[in-house]
């Protein structure tokens, strides 16, 4: 469905995708990334805190959404970036766990380096979670961090921005971790460049932006909206 991006004479098209990363930081900054039925990653901008938090946010992991998207107009746009040209709307129920697991396996990259190849800023990687911890930064803020390895055996230690874990305090993360822990899929993302992190990730800060059990089950016991759901558009 053609349209026009807000504030610009740019074409837009109503697009459906399944969010695999929904984040919120302590300053209220929000971000969403997900995949279409064809496996294309998209990152609509802007995204507000009200759209990702609260009792019934329009953006939620595995809940399909539909909204008009146009080309990203800012400098340094990444392959996934799109300009939101209208309000997002829910597009049906989440898929059942088996179909969620199939989606995760289908779109996963073999390792972290591949997820960020070609200028990309979002991807999905099978990881072994080695440990979760809360750590205070030099600025006094406390962040949840995950230490993990990807399929190459390389070890990473990154901040976790998954909105579902935002309110978890020290000692409240009951997710399995360690050398024998089940594999997880980690949605990984890069911030916009701030040039405080030169080198490997093009001046961007790498983050874990979503966590997914490989069998498609809910990450947390309170994710009742993902229990007993049927097939949904865009998740085949």
Protein backbone atom coordinates (compact mmCIF):
# COMPACT_ATOMS: atom_id res chain seq x y z
CA UNK A 1 0.00 0.00 0.00
CA UNK A 2 1.76 3.17 -1.14
CA UNK A 3 2.00 6.22 1.06
CA UNK A 4 4.21 9.17 1.88
CA UNK A 5 6.68 9.41 4.77
CA UNK A 6 5.81 12.05 7.31
CA UNK A 7 7.53 15.33 6.56
CA UNK A 8 9.13 14.12 3.31
CA UNK A 9 8.14 13.27 -0.24
CA UNK A 10 9.36 9.69 0.02
CA UNK A 11 7.41 6.55 -0.84
CA UNK A 12 6.34 4.22 1.95
CA UNK A 13 4.83 0.76 2.01
CA UNK A 14 2.82 -1.00 4.69
CA UNK A 15 5.07 -3.78 5.94
CA UNK A 16 4.55 -6.62 8.38
CA UNK A 17 7.36 -7.98 10.51
CA UNK A 18 7.98 -9.97 13.69
CA UNK A 19 9.99 -8.13 16.38
CA UNK A 20 12.92 -10.18 17.73
CA UNK A 21 14.51 -7.28 19.61
CA UNK A 22 12.63 -4.74 21.74
CA UNK A 23 14.79 -2.52 23.90
CA UNK A 24 14.55 0.36 26.34
CA UNK A 25 17.42 2.09 28.11
CA UNK A 26 17.49 3.97 31.38
CA UNK A 27 17.12 7.30 29.60
CA UNK A 28 13.93 6.24 27.81
CA UNK A 29 15.52 5.48 24.45
CA UNK A 30 13.68 2.69 22.63
CA UNK A 31 14.55 0.50 19.67
CA UNK A 32 12.88 -2.33 17.76
CA UNK A 33 14.32 -4.76 15.21
CA UNK A 34 12.62 -7.69 13.55
CA UNK A 35 12.27 -9.80 10.45
CA UNK A 36 9.78 -10.04 7.60
CA UNK A 37 8.37 -13.30 6.26
CA UNK A 38 11.21 -13.22 3.72
CA UNK A 39 13.82 -12.97 6.49
CA UNK A 40 14.73 -9.30 5.95
CA UNK A 41 15.75 -7.39 9.07
CA UNK A 42 14.05 -4.04 9.68
CA UNK A 43 14.59 -1.30 12.27
CA UNK A 44 11.80 1.30 12.20
CA UNK A 45 12.59 4.76 13.52
CA UNK A 46 11.50 6.57 15.55
CA UNK A 47 10.27 4.26 18.32
CA UNK A 48 8.97 5.70 21.59
CA UNK A 49 9.18 4.32 25.11
CA UNK A 50 5.37 4.13 25.24
CA UNK A 51 5.39 1.78 22.24
CA UNK A 52 7.66 -0.80 23.93
CA UNK A 53 6.80 -0.59 27.65
CA UNK A 54 3.69 -0.82 29.80
CA UNK A 55 0.97 -3.44 30.19
CA UNK A 56 0.13 -3.77 26.48
CA UNK A 57 2.86 -2.28 24.24
CA UNK A 58 2.31 -2.31 20.49
CA UNK A 59 5.85 -3.66 20.01
CA UNK A 60 6.46 -6.95 21.82
CA UNK A 61 8.75 -9.87 21.04
CA UNK A 62 7.18 -12.36 18.59
CA UNK A 63 4.00 -10.28 18.22
CA UNK A 64 3.63 -9.39 14.51
CA UNK A 65 3.17 -5.71 13.70
CA UNK A 66 2.24 -3.81 10.58
CA UNK A 67 3.11 -0.20 9.74
CA UNK A 68 4.00 1.99 6.78
CA UNK A 69 7.77 2.21 6.31
CA UNK A 70 9.81 4.38 4.00
CA UNK A 71 13.53 4.72 3.29
CA UNK A 72 15.70 5.94 6.15
CA UNK A 73 16.60 9.56 5.57
CA UNK A 74 19.37 10.23 8.10
CA UNK A 75 23.09 10.18 7.50
CA UNK A 76 24.75 6.83 8.05
CA UNK A 77 21.60 4.74 7.57
CA UNK A 78 22.20 1.01 7.99
CA UNK A 79 20.68 -1.66 5.69
CA UNK A 80 17.88 -2.37 8.19
CA UNK A 81 16.92 1.22 8.97
CA UNK A 82 13.49 2.42 7.86
CA UNK A 83 11.51 5.60 8.52
CA UNK A 84 8.17 4.96 10.21
CA UNK A 85 5.53 6.81 8.21
CA UNK A 86 2.61 6.01 10.48
CA UNK A 87 1.57 4.30 13.68
CA UNK A 88 2.38 0.59 14.17
CA UNK A 89 -0.52 -1.81 14.73
CA UNK A 90 -0.63 -5.38 15.93
CA UNK A 91 -1.05 -7.87 13.07
CA UNK A 92 -2.40 -10.99 14.75
CA UNK A 93 -1.26 -13.36 17.47
CA UNK A 94 2.26 -14.75 17.94
CA UNK A 95 3.04 -18.06 16.30
CA UNK A 96 3.08 -21.25 18.34
CA UNK A 97 6.44 -22.26 19.88
CA UNK A 98 7.38 -24.74 17.13
CA UNK A 99 6.93 -22.10 14.45
CA UNK A 100 8.80 -19.53 16.52
CA UNK A 101 11.68 -22.00 16.82
CA UNK A 102 11.64 -22.55 13.06
CA UNK A 103 11.72 -18.80 12.44
CA UNK A 104 14.69 -18.34 14.77
CA UNK A 105 16.64 -21.15 13.11
CA UNK A 106 15.85 -19.85 9.63
CA UNK A 107 17.06 -16.28 10.19
CA UNK A 108 20.04 -16.97 12.47
CA UNK A 109 23.53 -16.03 11.31
CA UNK A 110 26.39 -18.47 11.92
CA UNK A 111 28.29 -16.10 14.24
CA UNK A 112 28.57 -12.54 15.51
CA UNK A 113 30.93 -11.42 12.74
CA UNK A 114 28.49 -12.55 10.06
CA UNK A 115 25.55 -10.86 11.81
CA UNK A 116 27.29 -7.49 11.44
CA UNK A 117 28.83 -8.04 7.99
CA UNK A 118 28.03 -5.77 5.07
CA UNK A 119 27.27 -2.76 7.22
CA UNK A 120 24.44 -4.52 9.06
CA UNK A 121 23.45 -3.46 12.56
CA UNK A 122 21.13 -6.30 13.62
CA UNK A 123 21.16 -10.06 13.49
CA UNK A 124 20.47 -13.27 15.38
CA UNK A 125 23.14 -15.67 16.64
CA UNK A 126 23.06 -19.00 18.49
CA UNK A 127 25.01 -18.50 21.73
CA UNK A 128 26.06 -20.39 24.83
CA UNK A 129 25.16 -18.19 27.85
CA UNK A 130 28.01 -18.38 30.36
CA UNK A 131 26.75 -15.95 32.98
CA UNK A 132 24.57 -12.95 33.76
CA UNK A 133 25.64 -10.18 36.12
CA UNK A 134 24.83 -6.60 37.03
CA UNK A 135 27.74 -4.20 36.77
CA UNK A 136 28.01 -0.53 37.62
CA UNK A 137 29.49 1.71 34.96
CA UNK A 138 31.91 4.57 35.51
CA UNK A 139 28.92 6.91 35.17
CA UNK A 140 27.18 5.27 38.13
CA UNK A 141 24.49 3.41 36.15
CA UNK A 142 24.03 -0.33 36.60
CA UNK A 143 23.72 -2.57 33.56
CA UNK A 144 22.79 -6.21 33.07
CA UNK A 145 25.56 -7.98 31.15
CA UNK A 146 25.72 -11.40 29.50
CA UNK A 147 28.92 -13.30 28.91
CA UNK A 148 28.54 -15.74 26.03
CA UNK A 149 30.26 -17.58 23.21
CA UNK A 150 29.11 -17.94 19.61
CA UNK A 151 29.61 -20.91 17.31
CA UNK A 152 33.25 -19.96 16.69
CA UNK A 153 34.02 -20.24 20.40
CA UNK A 154 34.81 -16.52 20.67
CA UNK A 155 33.82 -15.05 24.02
CA UNK A 156 31.80 -11.82 24.35
CA UNK A 157 30.65 -9.77 27.34
CA UNK A 158 27.90 -7.32 26.35
CA UNK A 159 25.19 -5.21 27.94
CA UNK A 160 21.67 -6.67 27.61
CA UNK A 161 18.95 -4.22 26.58
CA UNK A 162 16.01 -6.64 26.24
CA UNK A 163 13.03 -4.72 27.64
CA UNK A 164 11.72 -7.88 29.31
CA UNK A 165 14.76 -7.90 31.61
CA UNK A 166 14.83 -4.17 32.28
CA UNK A 167 13.41 -4.38 35.80
CA UNK A 168 15.38 -7.42 36.92
CA UNK A 169 17.64 -6.55 39.84
CA UNK A 170 20.90 -8.18 40.93
CA UNK A 171 20.33 -11.84 41.68
CA UNK A 172 16.92 -11.90 39.97
CA UNK A 173 18.00 -13.42 36.65
CA UNK A 174 17.01 -17.08 36.89
CA UNK A 175 17.95 -18.00 33.32
CA UNK A 176 20.24 -21.01 32.80
CA UNK A 177 23.90 -20.17 32.28
CA UNK A 178 27.18 -22.03 32.17
CA UNK A 179 29.04 -24.48 29.92
CA UNK A 180 26.14 -26.96 30.04
CA UNK A 181 23.34 -24.42 29.64
CA UNK A 182 21.02 -24.85 26.65
CA UNK A 183 21.76 -22.78 23.59
CA UNK A 184 19.96 -19.47 23.25
CA UNK A 185 19.42 -17.29 20.25
CA UNK A 186 20.66 -13.78 20.95
CA UNK A 187 19.46 -10.88 18.85
CA UNK A 188 22.49 -8.62 18.60
CA UNK A 189 22.52 -4.99 17.58
CA UNK A 190 24.78 -2.00 17.09
CA UNK A 191 24.05 1.50 18.30
CA UNK A 192 24.50 4.41 15.95
CA UNK A 193 28.19 5.37 15.77
CA UNK A 194 29.39 7.52 18.65
CA UNK A 195 33.11 6.99 17.94
CA UNK A 196 33.84 6.01 21.54
CA UNK A 197 34.19 2.41 20.36
CA UNK A 198 36.55 2.49 17.37
CA UNK A 199 37.68 -0.61 15.57
CA UNK A 200 35.80 -3.82 15.05
CA UNK A 201 32.21 -2.52 15.18
CA UNK A 202 32.59 0.65 13.11
CA UNK A 203 32.50 3.03 16.07
CA UNK A 204 29.28 1.48 17.41
CA UNK A 205 28.48 -0.11 20.76
CA UNK A 206 27.47 -3.81 20.41
CA UNK A 207 24.54 -4.96 22.53
CA UNK A 208 22.40 -8.01 23.21
CA UNK A 209 18.96 -6.70 22.25
CA UNK A 210 16.83 -9.84 22.59
CA UNK A 211 17.09 -13.35 24.05
CA UNK A 212 15.19 -16.38 22.75
CA UNK A 213 15.11 -20.02 23.88
CA UNK A 214 15.94 -22.18 20.87
CA UNK A 215 12.75 -24.24 21.27
CA UNK A 216 10.55 -21.15 20.87
CA UNK A 217 9.31 -21.21 24.46
CA UNK A 218 8.84 -17.96 26.41
CA UNK A 219 11.99 -16.50 27.92
CA UNK A 220 10.32 -15.67 31.24
CA UNK A 221 7.45 -17.29 33.20
CA UNK A 222 5.37 -14.09 33.06
CA UNK A 223 5.22 -14.04 29.24
CA UNK A 224 1.71 -15.47 29.25
CA UNK A 225 0.91 -13.83 25.90
CA UNK A 226 3.27 -16.33 24.23
CA UNK A 227 1.65 -19.40 25.72
CA UNK A 228 -0.75 -21.51 23.70
CA UNK A 229 -0.72 -19.24 20.67
CA UNK A 230 -1.52 -20.32 17.14
CA UNK A 231 0.13 -19.60 13.82
CA UNK A 232 0.39 -15.96 12.81
CA UNK A 233 1.12 -14.17 9.57
CA UNK A 234 4.75 -13.56 8.76
CA UNK A 235 6.15 -16.37 10.91
CA UNK A 236 6.22 -19.32 8.53
